[in-house]
Amino acid sequence: MVPRGRPRDAGVEGRVLDAAMAEMRARGYDAISVDRVAERAGVAKTTIYRRWPSKAELVMAMIARLRGGVPFDPSDDPRHDLTELVTGIAATLEALPTTLVADLTAAAAREPRVGESVRALWAERHAAVTAVIAQAQTDGLLPGHADPRVVVDQLVGPLYYRLLITGEPIDPAYVRALVHSTLGPEQS
């Protein structure tokens, strides 16, 4: 059977998500317009709506793309794994305008579907990170009574606090200090 219509343009998704990110940066979540995203991406609105039926779904795809930019491939070294994860998250946050992070956070809080999507996106990653923390407990890097979910909060939460509240840098030196503060000093 021969497919009907024009073949799908493989680059459309990337162009649309880039355009949506540019719109978010320029105008914020509340003012993002599918019309302007379509114009910026050089596609029809129907192309966007076929893939993402609402603005919320489009933003969820942007968030998924950002999360995908922070690889996490656990090894046998929990300290290294956690340092790499926190470094990747910090680098992603530092590369984005603070207003964009604030808008995405606000959208997740205000829009139930966006919030659910964000939590679902991080659920798999969270499970992998808690497994690494459990290994850190087995290796004696963390006390056995430490709740792995709380340790994740202790490692990642301060990045958002610095970015959104204090404005202090979240550079590699801070990441090392954060991991050191959470896991204790490296054993020689």
N, C-alpha and C. Protein backbone atom coordinates (compact mmCIF):
# COMPACT_ATOMS: atom_id res chain seq x y z
N MET A 1 0.84 -1.17 0.00
CA MET A 1 0.00 0.00 0.00
C MET A 1 0.89 1.24 0.00
N VAL A 2 0.60 2.20 -0.83
CA VAL A 2 1.36 3.43 -0.94
C VAL A 2 0.78 4.45 0.02
N PRO A 3 1.65 5.06 0.88
CA PRO A 3 1.14 6.06 1.81
C PRO A 3 0.58 7.25 1.06
N ARG A 4 -0.47 7.83 1.59
CA ARG A 4 -1.11 8.99 0.97
C ARG A 4 -0.48 10.27 1.50
N GLY A 5 -0.52 11.30 0.70
CA GLY A 5 -0.04 12.61 1.11
C GLY A 5 1.48 12.71 1.02
N ARG A 6 1.97 13.85 1.50
CA ARG A 6 3.41 14.08 1.48
C ARG A 6 4.09 13.23 2.54
N PRO A 7 5.33 12.82 2.27
CA PRO A 7 6.06 12.08 3.32
C PRO A 7 6.37 13.02 4.48
N ARG A 8 6.46 12.45 5.67
CA ARG A 8 6.77 13.25 6.86
C ARG A 8 8.19 13.78 6.80
N ASP A 9 8.35 15.01 7.18
CA ASP A 9 9.66 15.65 7.25
C ASP A 9 10.26 15.31 8.62
N ALA A 10 11.35 14.56 8.61
CA ALA A 10 11.96 14.09 9.86
C ALA A 10 12.44 15.24 10.74
N GLY A 11 12.75 16.38 10.16
CA GLY A 11 13.27 17.50 10.94
C GLY A 11 12.21 18.39 11.55
N VAL A 12 10.94 18.11 11.26
CA VAL A 12 9.87 18.97 11.74
C VAL A 12 9.84 19.04 13.27
N GLU A 13 9.93 17.89 13.92
CA GLU A 13 9.82 17.88 15.38
C GLU A 13 10.89 18.77 16.02
N GLY A 14 12.13 18.63 15.56
CA GLY A 14 13.20 19.46 16.11
C GLY A 14 12.98 20.93 15.86
N ARG A 15 12.54 21.28 14.65
CA ARG A 15 12.29 22.70 14.34
C ARG A 15 11.17 23.25 15.20
N VAL A 16 10.11 22.47 15.37
CA VAL A 16 8.98 22.94 16.18
C VAL A 16 9.40 23.11 17.64
N LEU A 17 10.13 22.13 18.18
CA LEU A 17 10.54 22.24 19.58
C LEU A 17 11.53 23.38 19.78
N ASP A 18 12.43 23.60 18.81
CA ASP A 18 13.33 24.76 18.88
C ASP A 18 12.53 26.06 18.86
N ALA A 19 11.54 26.12 17.97
CA ALA A 19 10.71 27.33 17.87
C ALA A 19 9.90 27.54 19.15
N ALA A 20 9.37 26.46 19.71
CA ALA A 20 8.61 26.57 20.96
C ALA A 20 9.51 27.06 22.09
N MET A 21 10.75 26.55 22.13
CA MET A 21 11.69 27.00 23.16
C MET A 21 11.98 28.48 22.98
N ALA A 22 12.17 28.92 21.74
CA ALA A 22 12.43 30.34 21.47
C ALA A 22 11.24 31.19 21.91
N GLU A 23 10.03 30.72 21.64
CA GLU A 23 8.83 31.45 22.06
C GLU A 23 8.73 31.51 23.59
N MET A 24 9.03 30.39 24.25
CA MET A 24 9.01 30.38 25.73
C MET A 24 10.01 31.39 26.27
N ARG A 25 11.20 31.41 25.67
CA ARG A 25 12.22 32.36 26.13
C ARG A 25 11.78 33.80 25.92
N ALA A 26 11.16 34.05 24.80
CA ALA A 26 10.77 35.41 24.46
C ALA A 26 9.52 35.89 25.21
N ARG A 27 8.56 34.98 25.42
CA ARG A 27 7.26 35.42 25.91
C ARG A 27 6.77 34.74 27.18
N GLY A 28 7.35 33.61 27.55
CA GLY A 28 6.88 32.88 28.72
C GLY A 28 5.75 31.93 28.36
N TYR A 29 5.43 31.05 29.28
CA TYR A 29 4.43 30.00 29.03
C TYR A 29 3.06 30.58 28.70
N ASP A 30 2.61 31.53 29.50
CA ASP A 30 1.25 32.04 29.32
C ASP A 30 1.04 32.65 27.94
N ALA A 31 2.06 33.28 27.39
CA ALA A 31 1.91 33.98 26.11
C ALA A 31 2.37 33.17 24.90
N ILE A 32 2.82 31.94 25.11
CA ILE A 32 3.27 31.14 23.97
C ILE A 32 2.08 30.93 23.02
N SER A 33 2.33 31.06 21.75
CA SER A 33 1.29 30.95 20.74
C SER A 33 1.68 29.90 19.71
N VAL A 34 0.76 28.97 19.46
CA VAL A 34 1.01 27.93 18.46
C VAL A 34 1.17 28.59 17.09
N ASP A 35 0.44 29.66 16.83
CA ASP A 35 0.59 30.38 15.56
C ASP A 35 2.03 30.86 15.37
N ARG A 36 2.58 31.50 16.40
CA ARG A 36 3.96 32.01 16.30
C ARG A 36 4.97 30.87 16.24
N VAL A 37 4.73 29.79 16.97
CA VAL A 37 5.62 28.62 16.91
C VAL A 37 5.62 28.06 15.49
N ALA A 38 4.44 27.93 14.91
CA ALA A 38 4.33 27.40 13.54
C ALA A 38 5.07 28.30 12.56
N GLU A 39 4.86 29.60 12.70
CA GLU A 39 5.53 30.55 11.79
C GLU A 39 7.04 30.46 11.93
N ARG A 40 7.51 30.44 13.17
CA ARG A 40 8.95 30.36 13.45
C ARG A 40 9.56 29.07 12.92
N ALA A 41 8.81 27.97 13.02
CA ALA A 41 9.31 26.65 12.59
C ALA A 41 9.12 26.43 11.09
N GLY A 42 8.32 27.28 10.45
CA GLY A 42 8.08 27.12 9.03
C GLY A 42 7.17 25.94 8.71
N VAL A 43 6.18 25.71 9.59
CA VAL A 43 5.24 24.61 9.40
C VAL A 43 3.81 25.14 9.58
N ALA A 44 2.86 24.34 9.15
CA ALA A 44 1.45 24.69 9.36
C ALA A 44 1.05 24.39 10.81
N LYS A 45 0.08 25.15 11.32
CA LYS A 45 -0.43 24.88 12.67
C LYS A 45 -0.94 23.45 12.79
N THR A 46 -1.55 22.96 11.71
CA THR A 46 -2.09 21.59 11.76
C THR A 46 -0.99 20.57 11.97
N THR A 47 0.21 20.85 11.47
CA THR A 47 1.35 19.96 11.69
C THR A 47 1.65 19.86 13.18
N ILE A 48 1.60 20.99 13.85
CA ILE A 48 1.87 21.01 15.30
C ILE A 48 0.74 20.29 16.04
N TYR A 49 -0.50 20.64 15.71
CA TYR A 49 -1.62 20.04 16.43
C TYR A 49 -1.76 18.54 16.20
N ARG A 50 -1.28 18.04 15.07
CA ARG A 50 -1.30 16.59 14.84
C ARG A 50 -0.37 15.88 15.82
N ARG A 51 0.75 16.50 16.13
CA ARG A 51 1.72 15.88 17.03
C ARG A 51 1.43 16.20 18.49
N TRP A 52 1.04 17.45 18.74
CA TRP A 52 0.81 17.93 20.11
C TRP A 52 -0.54 18.65 20.12
N PRO A 53 -1.60 17.98 20.59
CA PRO A 53 -2.95 18.56 20.51
C PRO A 53 -3.17 19.85 21.29
N SER A 54 -2.25 20.20 22.19
CA SER A 54 -2.44 21.44 22.97
C SER A 54 -1.08 22.05 23.28
N LYS A 55 -1.14 23.28 23.74
CA LYS A 55 0.07 23.98 24.16
C LYS A 55 0.75 23.20 25.29
N ALA A 56 -0.04 22.64 26.19
CA ALA A 56 0.53 21.87 27.31
C ALA A 56 1.34 20.68 26.79
N GLU A 57 0.80 19.95 25.79
CA GLU A 57 1.54 18.81 25.23
C GLU A 57 2.82 19.25 24.55
N LEU A 58 2.79 20.39 23.88
CA LEU A 58 3.98 20.93 23.23
C LEU A 58 5.05 21.25 24.28
N VAL A 59 4.64 21.86 25.37
CA VAL A 59 5.59 22.20 26.44
C VAL A 59 6.11 20.92 27.10
N MET A 60 5.27 19.91 27.24
CA MET A 60 5.72 18.64 27.82
C MET A 60 6.79 18.01 26.94
N ALA A 61 6.63 18.13 25.62
CA ALA A 61 7.64 17.60 24.70
C ALA A 61 8.95 18.38 24.86
N MET A 62 8.86 19.68 25.08
CA MET A 62 10.07 20.48 25.32
C MET A 62 10.77 20.01 26.58
N ILE A 63 10.01 19.77 27.62
CA ILE A 63 10.58 19.33 28.90
C ILE A 63 11.24 17.96 28.73
N ALA A 64 10.58 17.07 27.99
CA ALA A 64 11.15 15.74 27.74
C ALA A 64 12.46 15.87 27.00
N ARG A 65 12.53 16.78 26.06
CA ARG A 65 13.77 17.01 25.31
C ARG A 65 14.88 17.53 26.23
N LEU A 66 14.53 18.44 27.14
CA LEU A 66 15.53 18.94 28.08
C LEU A 66 16.04 17.82 28.98
N ARG A 67 15.13 17.00 29.48
CA ARG A 67 15.53 15.90 30.35
C ARG A 67 16.42 14.92 29.60
N GLY A 68 16.11 14.70 28.33
CA GLY A 68 16.91 13.80 27.51
C GLY A 68 18.33 14.30 27.32
N GLY A 69 18.53 15.59 27.51
CA GLY A 69 19.86 16.18 27.38
C GLY A 69 20.75 15.93 28.59
N VAL A 70 20.21 15.30 29.62
CA VAL A 70 21.00 14.98 30.82
C VAL A 70 21.10 13.46 30.89
N PRO A 71 22.13 12.89 30.25
CA PRO A 71 22.24 11.43 30.25
C PRO A 71 22.53 10.88 31.65
N PHE A 72 22.08 9.67 31.89
CA PHE A 72 22.37 9.01 33.15
C PHE A 72 22.54 7.53 32.88
N ASP A 73 23.78 7.10 32.94
CA ASP A 73 24.12 5.71 32.67
C ASP A 73 24.92 5.20 33.86
N PRO A 74 24.25 4.64 34.87
CA PRO A 74 24.94 4.22 36.09
C PRO A 74 26.09 3.23 35.84
N SER A 75 27.14 3.42 36.64
CA SER A 75 28.30 2.53 36.59
C SER A 75 28.40 1.82 37.94
N ASP A 76 29.58 1.37 38.28
CA ASP A 76 29.79 0.74 39.59
C ASP A 76 30.29 1.74 40.63
N ASP A 77 30.32 3.02 40.30
CA ASP A 77 30.84 4.05 41.19
C ASP A 77 29.74 5.07 41.50
N PRO A 78 29.00 4.86 42.61
CA PRO A 78 27.86 5.75 42.92
C PRO A 78 28.26 7.22 43.05
N ARG A 79 29.42 7.51 43.63
CA ARG A 79 29.84 8.91 43.79
C ARG A 79 30.00 9.55 42.41
N HIS A 80 30.67 8.83 41.51
CA HIS A 80 30.85 9.34 40.15
C HIS A 80 29.50 9.52 39.46
N ASP A 81 28.62 8.53 39.58
CA ASP A 81 27.32 8.59 38.93
C ASP A 81 26.51 9.79 39.41
N LEU A 82 26.47 9.97 40.72
CA LEU A 82 25.69 11.08 41.27
C LEU A 82 26.31 12.43 40.91
N THR A 83 27.63 12.50 40.91
CA THR A 83 28.31 13.74 40.53
C THR A 83 28.00 14.07 39.07
N GLU A 84 28.06 13.05 38.20
CA GLU A 84 27.75 13.27 36.77
C GLU A 84 26.30 13.71 36.58
N LEU A 85 25.39 13.08 37.28
CA LEU A 85 23.98 13.45 37.16
C LEU A 85 23.76 14.90 37.59
N VAL A 86 24.25 15.25 38.76
CA VAL A 86 24.04 16.61 39.28
C VAL A 86 24.76 17.62 38.38
N THR A 87 25.93 17.27 37.88
CA THR A 87 26.65 18.16 36.96
C THR A 87 25.84 18.37 35.69
N GLY A 88 25.25 17.32 35.14
CA GLY A 88 24.44 17.43 33.93
C GLY A 88 23.21 18.29 34.14
N ILE A 89 22.54 18.10 35.27
CA ILE A 89 21.35 18.93 35.57
C ILE A 89 21.77 20.38 35.74
N ALA A 90 22.87 20.61 36.47
CA ALA A 90 23.35 21.98 36.69
C ALA A 90 23.70 22.66 35.37
N ALA A 91 24.38 21.93 34.48
CA ALA A 91 24.77 22.50 33.19
C ALA A 91 23.53 22.86 32.36
N THR A 92 22.52 22.00 32.38
CA THR A 92 21.29 22.29 31.65
C THR A 92 20.61 23.52 32.21
N LEU A 93 20.53 23.60 33.54
CA LEU A 93 19.89 24.76 34.17
C LEU A 93 20.67 26.05 33.90
N GLU A 94 21.98 25.98 33.95
CA GLU A 94 22.81 27.17 33.69
C GLU A 94 22.68 27.65 32.25
N ALA A 95 22.40 26.72 31.32
CA ALA A 95 22.30 27.09 29.91
C ALA A 95 20.95 27.72 29.56
N LEU A 96 19.99 27.58 30.44
CA LEU A 96 18.65 28.12 30.18
C LEU A 96 18.47 29.45 30.90
N PRO A 97 17.70 30.36 30.32
CA PRO A 97 17.38 31.59 31.05
C PRO A 97 16.59 31.24 32.31
N THR A 98 16.88 31.90 33.39
CA THR A 98 16.19 31.65 34.65
C THR A 98 14.69 31.82 34.49
N THR A 99 14.28 32.80 33.70
CA THR A 99 12.84 33.02 33.49
C THR A 99 12.19 31.82 32.82
N LEU A 100 12.91 31.15 31.95
CA LEU A 100 12.36 29.96 31.29
C LEU A 100 12.16 28.84 32.30
N VAL A 101 13.15 28.62 33.16
CA VAL A 101 13.02 27.58 34.19
C VAL A 101 11.86 27.93 35.12
N ALA A 102 11.74 29.20 35.48
CA ALA A 102 10.64 29.63 36.35
C ALA A 102 9.30 29.41 35.66
N ASP A 103 9.21 29.74 34.37
CA ASP A 103 7.96 29.54 33.63
C ASP A 103 7.60 28.06 33.52
N LEU A 104 8.59 27.22 33.23
CA LEU A 104 8.32 25.78 33.14
C LEU A 104 7.88 25.22 34.49
N THR A 105 8.51 25.69 35.55
CA THR A 105 8.15 25.25 36.90
C THR A 105 6.73 25.71 37.23
N ALA A 106 6.42 26.96 36.91
CA ALA A 106 5.08 27.49 37.16
C ALA A 106 4.04 26.74 36.33
N ALA A 107 4.36 26.45 35.07
CA ALA A 107 3.43 25.72 34.22
C ALA A 107 3.15 24.33 34.80
N ALA A 108 4.17 23.69 35.32
CA ALA A 108 3.99 22.36 35.92
C ALA A 108 3.12 22.45 37.17
N ALA A 109 3.20 23.57 37.89
CA ALA A 109 2.40 23.75 39.10
C ALA A 109 0.95 24.12 38.76
N ARG A 110 0.75 24.91 37.70
CA ARG A 110 -0.59 25.41 37.36
C ARG A 110 -1.38 24.47 36.47
N GLU A 111 -0.70 23.80 35.57
CA GLU A 111 -1.37 22.95 34.58
C GLU A 111 -1.24 21.49 35.02
N PRO A 112 -2.32 20.89 35.49
CA PRO A 112 -2.22 19.51 35.98
C PRO A 112 -1.58 18.55 34.98
N ARG A 113 -1.91 18.66 33.68
CA ARG A 113 -1.34 17.74 32.70
C ARG A 113 0.16 17.95 32.54
N VAL A 114 0.60 19.20 32.59
CA VAL A 114 2.04 19.47 32.49
C VAL A 114 2.73 18.91 33.73
N GLY A 115 2.15 19.16 34.90
CA GLY A 115 2.74 18.66 36.14
C GLY A 115 2.83 17.14 36.16
N GLU A 116 1.75 16.47 35.73
CA GLU A 116 1.75 15.01 35.67
C GLU A 116 2.82 14.51 34.71
N SER A 117 2.95 15.19 33.60
CA SER A 117 3.94 14.78 32.59
C SER A 117 5.36 14.95 33.12
N VAL A 118 5.60 16.06 33.79
CA VAL A 118 6.94 16.29 34.35
C VAL A 118 7.26 15.20 35.37
N ARG A 119 6.31 14.90 36.24
CA ARG A 119 6.55 13.85 37.24
C ARG A 119 6.76 12.50 36.58
N ALA A 120 6.00 12.20 35.54
CA ALA A 120 6.17 10.92 34.83
C ALA A 120 7.53 10.86 34.14
N LEU A 121 7.95 11.98 33.54
CA LEU A 121 9.25 12.00 32.88
C LEU A 121 10.38 11.71 33.85
N TRP A 122 10.26 12.25 35.05
CA TRP A 122 11.34 12.07 36.02
C TRP A 122 11.21 10.79 36.82
N ALA A 123 10.05 10.12 36.78
CA ALA A 123 9.85 8.91 37.60
C ALA A 123 10.86 7.82 37.26
N GLU A 124 11.06 7.57 35.98
CA GLU A 124 12.02 6.53 35.57
C GLU A 124 13.43 6.91 36.00
N ARG A 125 13.80 8.16 35.75
CA ARG A 125 15.12 8.65 36.15
C ARG A 125 15.27 8.57 37.66
N HIS A 126 14.23 8.95 38.38
CA HIS A 126 14.26 8.93 39.83
C HIS A 126 14.51 7.52 40.34
N ALA A 127 13.87 6.53 39.73
CA ALA A 127 14.07 5.13 40.13
C ALA A 127 15.52 4.71 39.92
N ALA A 128 16.12 5.12 38.79
CA ALA A 128 17.52 4.78 38.53
C ALA A 128 18.44 5.45 39.54
N VAL A 129 18.15 6.70 39.87
CA VAL A 129 18.99 7.42 40.83
C VAL A 129 18.86 6.83 42.22
N THR A 130 17.65 6.47 42.62
CA THR A 130 17.50 5.87 43.95
C THR A 130 18.22 4.52 44.02
N ALA A 131 18.30 3.80 42.90
CA ALA A 131 19.07 2.54 42.89
C ALA A 131 20.55 2.83 43.10
N VAL A 132 21.05 3.90 42.51
CA VAL A 132 22.46 4.28 42.70
C VAL A 132 22.68 4.69 44.16
N ILE A 133 21.72 5.38 44.74
CA ILE A 133 21.85 5.78 46.15
C ILE A 133 21.82 4.55 47.05
N ALA A 134 20.98 3.59 46.73
CA ALA A 134 20.97 2.34 47.51
C ALA A 134 22.33 1.66 47.43
N GLN A 135 22.97 1.71 46.25
CA GLN A 135 24.32 1.15 46.11
C GLN A 135 25.32 1.94 46.96
N ALA A 136 25.14 3.26 46.99
CA ALA A 136 26.01 4.10 47.82
C ALA A 136 25.86 3.72 49.29
N GLN A 137 24.65 3.37 49.70
CA GLN A 137 24.44 2.92 51.07
C GLN A 137 25.15 1.59 51.31
N THR A 138 25.03 0.67 50.36
CA THR A 138 25.70 -0.63 50.47
C THR A 138 27.21 -0.44 50.55
N ASP A 139 27.73 0.53 49.78
CA ASP A 139 29.17 0.81 49.78
C ASP A 139 29.64 1.60 50.99
N GLY A 140 28.70 2.01 51.85
CA GLY A 140 29.07 2.75 53.04
C GLY A 140 29.26 4.25 52.82
N LEU A 141 28.87 4.76 51.64
CA LEU A 141 28.99 6.20 51.38
C LEU A 141 27.88 6.99 52.06
N LEU A 142 26.77 6.33 52.30
CA LEU A 142 25.62 6.96 52.95
C LEU A 142 25.13 6.05 54.05
N PRO A 143 24.60 6.63 55.12
CA PRO A 143 24.05 5.79 56.18
C PRO A 143 22.85 4.99 55.67
N GLY A 144 22.69 3.80 56.20
CA GLY A 144 21.62 2.92 55.78
C GLY A 144 20.23 3.48 56.04
N HIS A 145 20.10 4.37 57.03
CA HIS A 145 18.79 4.91 57.35
C HIS A 145 18.36 6.04 56.42
N ALA A 146 19.26 6.53 55.58
CA ALA A 146 18.93 7.64 54.68
C ALA A 146 17.90 7.18 53.65
N ASP A 147 16.86 7.97 53.48
CA ASP A 147 15.83 7.66 52.49
C ASP A 147 16.35 8.09 51.12
N PRO A 148 16.53 7.16 50.18
CA PRO A 148 17.07 7.52 48.87
C PRO A 148 16.32 8.64 48.16
N ARG A 149 15.00 8.71 48.34
CA ARG A 149 14.22 9.79 47.71
C ARG A 149 14.60 11.14 48.29
N VAL A 150 14.86 11.17 49.58
CA VAL A 150 15.26 12.43 50.22
C VAL A 150 16.66 12.81 49.76
N VAL A 151 17.53 11.83 49.60
CA VAL A 151 18.89 12.13 49.13
C VAL A 151 18.84 12.75 47.73
N VAL A 152 17.95 12.23 46.86
CA VAL A 152 17.79 12.84 45.53
C VAL A 152 17.38 14.30 45.70
N ASP A 153 16.43 14.56 46.58
CA ASP A 153 16.00 15.94 46.83
C ASP A 153 17.16 16.79 47.32
N GLN A 154 17.99 16.22 48.19
CA GLN A 154 19.13 16.96 48.74
C GLN A 154 20.16 17.29 47.66
N LEU A 155 20.27 16.46 46.65
CA LEU A 155 21.24 16.69 45.58
C LEU A 155 20.72 17.64 44.50
N VAL A 156 19.45 17.53 44.16
CA VAL A 156 18.91 18.29 43.05
C VAL A 156 18.22 19.58 43.49
N GLY A 157 17.51 19.54 44.60
CA GLY A 157 16.77 20.71 45.07
C GLY A 157 17.61 21.98 45.20
N PRO A 158 18.82 21.88 45.76
CA PRO A 158 19.63 23.09 45.90
C PRO A 158 19.98 23.77 44.57
N LEU A 159 20.02 23.01 43.49
CA LEU A 159 20.30 23.62 42.19
C LEU A 159 19.18 24.60 41.82
N TYR A 160 17.95 24.16 41.99
CA TYR A 160 16.81 25.03 41.69
C TYR A 160 16.75 26.20 42.68
N TYR A 161 17.06 25.94 43.93
CA TYR A 161 17.06 27.01 44.93
C TYR A 161 18.05 28.11 44.55
N ARG A 162 19.25 27.70 44.19
CA ARG A 162 20.26 28.70 43.77
C ARG A 162 19.82 29.42 42.51
N LEU A 163 19.32 28.68 41.55
CA LEU A 163 18.94 29.29 40.28
C LEU A 163 17.78 30.27 40.46
N LEU A 164 16.73 29.84 41.17
CA LEU A 164 15.51 30.63 41.24
C LEU A 164 15.43 31.59 42.42
N ILE A 165 16.15 31.30 43.50
CA ILE A 165 16.02 32.12 44.70
C ILE A 165 17.24 33.00 44.95
N THR A 166 18.41 32.39 45.11
CA THR A 166 19.58 33.18 45.50
C THR A 166 20.34 33.76 44.32
N GLY A 167 20.22 33.14 43.15
CA GLY A 167 20.96 33.62 41.99
C GLY A 167 22.44 33.29 42.01
N GLU A 168 22.87 32.52 43.00
CA GLU A 168 24.28 32.14 43.07
C GLU A 168 24.58 31.11 41.99
N PRO A 169 25.84 31.00 41.57
CA PRO A 169 26.18 30.07 40.49
C PRO A 169 25.99 28.61 40.91
N ILE A 170 25.69 27.80 39.91
CA ILE A 170 25.61 26.34 40.11
C ILE A 170 26.67 25.70 39.22
N ASP A 171 27.88 26.15 39.42
CA ASP A 171 29.02 25.71 38.62
C ASP A 171 29.58 24.38 39.14
N PRO A 172 30.57 23.82 38.45
CA PRO A 172 31.14 22.53 38.87
C PRO A 172 31.66 22.52 40.31
N ALA A 173 32.21 23.63 40.76
CA ALA A 173 32.72 23.68 42.15
C ALA A 173 31.56 23.51 43.13
N TYR A 174 30.43 24.15 42.84
CA TYR A 174 29.27 24.00 43.71
C TYR A 174 28.75 22.57 43.68
N VAL A 175 28.72 21.96 42.50
CA VAL A 175 28.24 20.58 42.38
C VAL A 175 29.13 19.66 43.21
N ARG A 176 30.45 19.83 43.11
CA ARG A 176 31.35 18.99 43.92
C ARG A 176 31.09 19.19 45.40
N ALA A 177 30.90 20.45 45.82
CA ALA A 177 30.62 20.73 47.24
C ALA A 177 29.30 20.11 47.66
N LEU A 178 28.32 20.14 46.79
CA LEU A 178 27.00 19.58 47.09
C LEU A 178 27.09 18.07 47.27
N VAL A 179 27.76 17.39 46.34
CA VAL A 179 27.91 15.94 46.45
C VAL A 179 28.74 15.58 47.68
N HIS A 180 29.80 16.33 47.93
CA HIS A 180 30.66 16.10 49.10
C HIS A 180 29.84 16.28 50.38
N SER A 181 29.02 17.32 50.41
CA SER A 181 28.20 17.59 51.59
C SER A 181 27.18 16.48 51.83
N THR A 182 26.66 15.90 50.74
CA THR A 182 25.64 14.86 50.86
C THR A 182 26.27 13.49 51.13
N LEU A 183 27.35 13.16 50.40
CA LEU A 183 27.96 11.83 50.52
C LEU A 183 29.14 11.76 51.49
N GLY A 184 29.61 12.91 51.91
CA GLY A 184 30.79 12.92 52.77
C GLY A 184 32.06 12.89 51.92
N PRO A 185 33.22 12.99 52.57
CA PRO A 185 34.47 13.05 51.83
C PRO A 185 34.77 11.73 51.11
N GLU A 186 35.52 11.86 50.01
CA GLU A 186 35.96 10.66 49.29
C GLU A 186 36.95 9.89 50.13
N GLN A 187 36.79 8.57 50.13
CA GLN A 187 37.75 7.73 50.83
C GLN A 187 38.91 7.43 49.87
N SER A 188 40.10 7.47 50.39
CA SER A 188 41.28 7.19 49.55
C SER A 188 41.60 5.74 49.56
